[in-house]
């Protein structure tokens, strides 16, 4: 799950910055700056760029996951052993969740204990697990992990997160330009009749874009932490509460065994560090999630 959120946020940032760079080269920012910054036009521009960048990122999510992580898609017709069990488990859970199309199933080489689900729609999703997860967890725990990830697919969490990212992108684009225009105007004295300080406007808007995008990612991470509880509940419904609790407890035990100075446990988590670092965590602490499942929450 951490990989899914991280890739979505990273790809969104890169796509958004690329779109803004292109529009700058086309003179859109110069037009806004030199015509007095029409806020209605700026808002329309921000919405188009903001949501456009978010949905481009969503469309690329499955492909980027395969490229960046080396995910090998399992051919169900030729699979055997653990791979055949993995495919069958995903397909059975997908049918139990009522998905009309079964996700692609893949494995990528990594010692980390990790699994994620991604894709632009429920019918074009990918569920991938690391080789380390298959080696370290028993099948009941793996089934719980898979049920959790399929719950993300069934809940449409990628789409809702993309919509949230689109809103954040819109604020980033709008506020960075509005503030940059105000700073550029303030940098001119009352007696200064020279041309509009375009360079000041560009520099301030670029810095604000980066800073606001980082702050916006905190909102995405907060939403991700909240949705993890929903995916845990969905996983418990699909695989059984006992299997879901066992999966989380197995992950917690694995976390305690891993040398944290060398590796980071990524599956279904992320939590740790100081209290302020939790703001950047995509997952709540495993202990809290286990407690909520035990309480039937």
Protein backbone atom coordinates (compact mmCIF):
# COMPACT_ATOMS: atom_id res chain seq x y z
CA UNK A 1 0.00 0.00 0.00
CA UNK A 2 2.81 2.43 0.81
CA UNK A 3 4.19 1.90 -2.69
CA UNK A 4 0.81 2.69 -4.21
CA UNK A 5 0.42 5.96 -2.32
CA UNK A 6 4.05 6.98 -2.80
CA UNK A 7 3.95 6.32 -6.54
CA UNK A 8 0.65 8.16 -6.95
CA UNK A 9 1.94 11.24 -5.10
CA UNK A 10 5.32 11.19 -6.85
CA UNK A 11 3.91 10.69 -10.35
CA UNK A 12 1.28 13.36 -9.70
CA UNK A 13 4.00 15.82 -8.62
CA UNK A 14 6.12 15.10 -11.70
CA UNK A 15 3.15 15.33 -14.08
CA UNK A 16 1.90 18.53 -12.46
CA UNK A 17 5.32 20.18 -12.63
CA UNK A 18 5.66 19.09 -16.28
CA UNK A 19 2.27 20.56 -17.21
CA UNK A 20 3.12 23.82 -15.44
CA UNK A 21 6.49 23.99 -17.19
CA UNK A 22 4.84 23.50 -20.57
CA UNK A 23 2.25 26.18 -19.89
CA UNK A 24 5.02 28.56 -18.81
CA UNK A 25 6.86 27.92 -22.06
CA UNK A 26 3.63 28.64 -23.94
CA UNK A 27 3.33 32.00 -22.20
CA UNK A 28 0.26 31.31 -20.07
CA UNK A 29 1.87 32.62 -16.87
CA UNK A 30 3.16 35.70 -18.66
CA UNK A 31 -0.39 36.39 -19.83
CA UNK A 32 -1.78 36.10 -16.28
CA UNK A 33 0.94 38.31 -14.85
CA UNK A 34 0.86 41.08 -17.42
CA UNK A 35 -2.93 41.33 -17.72
CA UNK A 36 -3.54 41.91 -14.02
CA UNK A 37 -4.30 38.31 -13.04
CA UNK A 38 -7.95 37.61 -13.87
CA UNK A 39 -8.90 35.39 -10.92
CA UNK A 40 -11.81 33.72 -12.67
CA UNK A 41 -9.60 32.73 -15.60
CA UNK A 42 -6.88 31.63 -13.18
CA UNK A 43 -9.33 29.41 -11.31
CA UNK A 44 -10.43 27.71 -14.54
CA UNK A 45 -6.78 27.21 -15.50
CA UNK A 46 -6.01 25.79 -12.04
CA UNK A 47 -8.91 23.33 -12.21
CA UNK A 48 -7.94 22.10 -15.69
CA UNK A 49 -4.25 21.68 -14.82
CA UNK A 50 -4.91 20.36 -11.31
CA UNK A 51 -7.39 17.66 -12.20
CA UNK A 52 -5.67 16.97 -15.52
CA UNK A 53 -2.42 16.21 -13.72
CA UNK A 54 -4.18 14.01 -11.16
CA UNK A 55 -6.02 11.91 -13.74
CA UNK A 56 -2.95 11.54 -15.94
CA UNK A 57 -1.15 10.20 -12.87
CA UNK A 58 -4.00 7.76 -12.24
CA UNK A 59 -3.92 6.55 -15.84
CA UNK A 60 -0.17 5.92 -15.57
CA UNK A 61 -0.30 4.29 -12.12
CA UNK A 62 -0.35 0.65 -13.20
CA UNK A 63 2.29 1.09 -15.90
CA UNK A 64 4.56 3.11 -13.63
CA UNK A 65 4.31 0.50 -10.89
CA UNK A 66 5.41 -2.21 -13.30
CA UNK A 67 8.27 -0.16 -14.75
CA UNK A 68 9.69 1.23 -11.53
CA UNK A 69 9.43 -1.92 -9.43
CA UNK A 70 10.01 -4.63 -12.00
CA UNK A 71 6.67 -6.35 -11.42
CA UNK A 72 6.37 -9.59 -13.36
CA UNK A 73 2.77 -10.39 -14.26
CA UNK A 74 1.88 -14.01 -13.56
CA UNK A 75 0.43 -15.97 -16.48
CA UNK A 76 -2.45 -17.80 -14.81
CA UNK A 77 -2.53 -20.49 -17.49
CA UNK A 78 1.12 -21.43 -16.91
CA UNK A 79 1.42 -20.71 -13.18
CA UNK A 80 2.35 -23.42 -10.69
CA UNK A 81 3.21 -23.74 -7.03
CA UNK A 82 3.10 -20.51 -5.02
CA UNK A 83 2.30 -18.44 -8.09
CA UNK A 84 -0.74 -20.57 -8.93
CA UNK A 85 -1.94 -20.34 -5.33
CA UNK A 86 -1.41 -16.57 -5.40
CA UNK A 87 -3.44 -16.13 -8.59
CA UNK A 88 -6.24 -18.40 -7.39
CA UNK A 89 -6.42 -16.60 -4.05
CA UNK A 90 -6.65 -13.18 -5.70
CA UNK A 91 -9.30 -14.40 -8.14
CA UNK A 92 -11.38 -16.00 -5.37
CA UNK A 93 -11.17 -12.87 -3.23
CA UNK A 94 -12.06 -10.70 -6.24
CA UNK A 95 -15.16 -12.76 -6.89
CA UNK A 96 -16.05 -12.55 -3.21
CA UNK A 97 -15.73 -8.78 -3.41
CA UNK A 98 -18.06 -8.69 -6.40
CA UNK A 99 -15.48 -7.33 -8.84
CA UNK A 100 -16.56 -7.76 -12.46
CA UNK A 101 -12.98 -8.17 -13.69
CA UNK A 102 -10.18 -9.95 -11.83
CA UNK A 103 -7.03 -7.87 -11.30
CA UNK A 104 -3.68 -8.64 -12.82
CA UNK A 105 -1.46 -10.46 -10.32
CA UNK A 106 2.27 -9.88 -10.17
CA UNK A 107 5.40 -10.48 -8.11
CA UNK A 108 8.45 -8.25 -7.92
CA UNK A 109 11.90 -9.10 -6.56
CA UNK A 110 12.52 -7.43 -3.21
CA UNK A 111 13.47 -8.50 0.30
CA UNK A 112 11.02 -6.01 1.79
CA UNK A 113 7.67 -7.26 3.04
CA UNK A 114 5.29 -5.38 0.80
CA UNK A 115 2.13 -5.64 -1.27
CA UNK A 116 0.09 -3.06 -3.10
CA UNK A 117 -2.87 -2.62 -5.41
CA UNK A 118 -3.07 0.05 -8.07
CA UNK A 119 -4.79 0.85 -11.34
CA UNK A 120 -7.08 3.48 -12.88
CA UNK A 121 -10.33 1.53 -12.41
CA UNK A 122 -11.69 -1.58 -10.71
CA UNK A 123 -11.59 -3.41 -14.05
CA UNK A 124 -7.97 -2.39 -14.78
CA UNK A 125 -6.25 -3.01 -11.48
CA UNK A 126 -3.03 -4.70 -10.46
CA UNK A 127 -2.24 -6.54 -7.23
CA UNK A 128 1.46 -7.14 -6.67
CA UNK A 129 3.43 -8.69 -3.83
CA UNK A 130 7.13 -8.75 -3.09
CA UNK A 131 9.11 -11.96 -3.06
CA UNK A 132 10.03 -11.10 0.53
CA UNK A 133 6.38 -11.16 1.57
CA UNK A 134 5.89 -14.64 0.10
CA UNK A 135 9.02 -15.88 1.85
CA UNK A 136 8.33 -14.37 5.30
CA UNK A 137 4.57 -14.80 5.77
CA UNK A 138 2.47 -17.96 5.86
CA UNK A 139 -0.41 -18.39 3.44
CA UNK A 140 -3.12 -17.33 5.86
CA UNK A 141 -1.29 -14.05 6.48
CA UNK A 142 -0.69 -13.54 2.74
CA UNK A 143 -4.41 -14.13 2.11
CA UNK A 144 -5.22 -11.43 4.65
CA UNK A 145 -2.82 -9.02 2.96
CA UNK A 146 -4.37 -9.74 -0.44
CA UNK A 147 -7.88 -9.26 0.94
CA UNK A 148 -6.82 -5.89 2.31
CA UNK A 149 -5.42 -4.79 -1.06
CA UNK A 150 -8.48 -6.00 -2.96
CA UNK A 151 -10.62 -3.96 -0.59
CA UNK A 152 -8.75 -0.88 -1.77
CA UNK A 153 -9.66 -1.83 -5.33
CA UNK A 154 -13.29 -2.57 -4.46
CA UNK A 155 -13.61 0.66 -2.48
CA UNK A 156 -12.27 2.71 -5.39
CA UNK A 157 -9.64 4.28 -3.15
CA UNK A 158 -7.34 5.12 -6.08
CA UNK A 159 -10.09 7.16 -7.75
CA UNK A 160 -11.15 8.99 -4.59
CA UNK A 161 -7.53 9.73 -3.77
CA UNK A 162 -7.09 11.06 -7.31
CA UNK A 163 -10.08 13.38 -6.87
CA UNK A 164 -8.59 14.61 -3.60
CA UNK A 165 -5.25 15.11 -5.32
CA UNK A 166 -7.00 17.07 -8.07
CA UNK A 167 -8.50 19.46 -5.51
CA UNK A 168 -5.10 19.90 -3.86
CA UNK A 169 -3.44 20.50 -7.23
CA UNK A 170 -6.04 23.15 -8.00
CA UNK A 171 -5.24 24.99 -4.77
CA UNK A 172 -1.49 24.66 -5.44
CA UNK A 173 -1.77 26.19 -8.91
CA UNK A 174 -4.20 28.93 -7.91
CA UNK A 175 -2.60 30.01 -4.64
CA UNK A 176 0.98 29.92 -5.96
CA UNK A 177 0.11 32.29 -8.80
CA UNK A 178 -2.13 34.57 -6.77
CA UNK A 179 0.53 34.92 -4.08
CA UNK A 180 3.33 35.35 -6.63
CA UNK A 181 1.37 38.12 -8.33
CA UNK A 182 0.85 39.88 -4.98
CA UNK A 183 4.56 39.60 -4.11
CA UNK A 184 5.60 40.86 -7.54
CA UNK A 185 3.25 43.82 -7.27
CA UNK A 186 4.48 44.64 -3.76
CA UNK A 187 8.07 44.61 -4.97
CA UNK A 188 7.31 47.63 -7.14
CA UNK A 189 7.39 50.99 -5.42
CA UNK A 190 4.68 53.57 -6.00
CA UNK A 191 7.09 55.62 -8.08
CA UNK A 192 8.20 52.63 -10.12
CA UNK A 193 6.70 52.80 -13.60
CA UNK A 194 8.83 50.00 -15.00
CA UNK A 195 7.44 46.84 -16.51
CA UNK A 196 5.88 44.15 -14.36
CA UNK A 197 8.62 42.15 -12.54
CA UNK A 198 7.99 38.93 -14.42
CA UNK A 199 11.09 37.18 -13.12
CA UNK A 200 10.03 37.77 -9.51
CA UNK A 201 6.58 36.39 -10.33
CA UNK A 202 8.08 33.25 -11.92
CA UNK A 203 10.54 32.55 -9.10
CA UNK A 204 7.99 33.03 -6.32
CA UNK A 205 5.37 30.91 -8.10
CA UNK A 206 7.84 28.05 -8.63
CA UNK A 207 8.94 28.04 -4.99
CA UNK A 208 5.35 28.17 -3.78
CA UNK A 209 4.31 25.36 -6.14
CA UNK A 210 6.90 23.04 -4.59
CA UNK A 211 6.16 24.07 -0.99
CA UNK A 212 2.39 23.89 -1.37
CA UNK A 213 2.63 20.53 -3.16
CA UNK A 214 4.58 19.13 -0.20
CA UNK A 215 2.02 20.49 2.25
CA UNK A 216 -0.75 19.07 0.07
CA UNK A 217 0.84 15.63 0.26
CA UNK A 218 0.20 15.69 4.01
CA UNK A 219 -3.53 15.83 3.27
CA UNK A 220 -3.22 12.86 0.91
CA UNK A 221 -1.29 10.89 3.52
CA UNK A 222 -3.90 11.73 6.16
CA UNK A 223 -6.65 10.48 3.87
CA UNK A 224 -4.61 7.35 3.15
CA UNK A 225 -4.27 6.59 6.88
CA UNK A 226 -8.04 6.94 7.32
CA UNK A 227 -8.79 4.64 4.36
CA UNK A 228 -6.52 1.92 5.77
CA UNK A 229 -9.07 1.22 8.48
CA UNK A 230 -11.74 0.78 5.81
CA UNK A 231 -9.49 -1.60 3.86
CA UNK A 232 -8.80 -3.59 7.04
CA UNK A 233 -12.54 -3.94 7.61
CA UNK A 234 -13.03 -4.95 3.99
CA UNK A 235 -10.20 -7.46 4.24
CA UNK A 236 -11.77 -8.93 7.37
CA UNK A 237 -15.05 -9.29 5.48
CA UNK A 238 -13.38 -11.07 2.56
CA UNK A 239 -10.85 -13.31 4.31
CA UNK A 240 -12.27 -13.39 7.83
CA UNK A 241 -11.42 -11.22 10.81
CA UNK A 242 -9.07 -13.86 12.18
CA UNK A 243 -7.08 -13.96 8.94
CA UNK A 244 -6.87 -10.16 8.80
CA UNK A 245 -5.70 -9.92 12.42
CA UNK A 246 -3.21 -12.71 11.81
CA UNK A 247 -1.86 -10.85 8.77
CA UNK A 248 -1.34 -7.64 10.73
CA UNK A 249 0.19 -9.48 13.68
CA UNK A 250 2.55 -11.31 11.32
CA UNK A 251 3.59 -7.98 9.83
CA UNK A 252 4.15 -6.56 13.30
CA UNK A 253 6.30 -9.54 14.27
CA UNK A 254 8.27 -9.19 11.05
CA UNK A 255 8.76 -5.51 11.73
CA UNK A 256 10.22 -6.28 15.13
CA UNK A 257 12.65 -8.80 13.63
CA UNK A 258 13.87 -6.58 10.80
CA UNK A 259 16.93 -4.46 11.44
CA UNK A 260 15.33 -1.03 11.03
CA UNK A 261 18.70 0.59 10.45
CA UNK A 262 18.96 -1.28 7.17
CA UNK A 263 15.40 -2.02 6.04
CA UNK A 264 11.91 -0.61 6.36
CA UNK A 265 8.74 -2.68 6.63
CA UNK A 266 6.37 -1.27 4.04
CA UNK A 267 3.41 -3.58 3.76
CA UNK A 268 0.13 -2.19 5.04
CA UNK A 269 1.90 0.24 7.31
CA UNK A 270 3.79 3.11 7.41
CA UNK A 271 4.26 4.42 10.93
CA UNK A 272 7.21 5.33 13.05
CA UNK A 273 9.65 8.08 13.81
CA UNK A 274 8.79 11.17 15.78
CA UNK A 275 5.28 12.46 16.21
CA UNK A 276 5.68 15.03 13.44
CA UNK A 277 6.98 12.35 11.07
CA UNK A 278 3.65 10.56 11.42
CA UNK A 279 2.15 13.35 9.34
CA UNK A 280 4.07 11.89 6.38
CA UNK A 281 2.96 8.32 7.17
CA UNK A 282 0.58 6.71 4.68
CA UNK A 283 -0.56 4.11 7.25
CA UNK A 284 -1.53 4.22 10.94
CA UNK A 285 0.45 2.10 13.42
CA UNK A 286 -0.12 -1.65 13.12
CA UNK A 287 -0.92 -1.85 16.83
CA UNK A 288 -3.84 0.57 16.42
CA UNK A 289 -5.22 -1.32 13.45
CA UNK A 290 -5.04 -4.65 15.23
CA UNK A 291 -6.81 -3.16 18.26
CA UNK A 292 -9.61 -1.77 16.08
CA UNK A 293 -10.15 -5.14 14.40
CA UNK A 294 -10.23 -6.91 17.75
CA UNK A 295 -12.86 -4.45 18.93
CA UNK A 296 -14.88 -5.10 15.81
CA UNK A 297 -14.43 -1.51 14.55
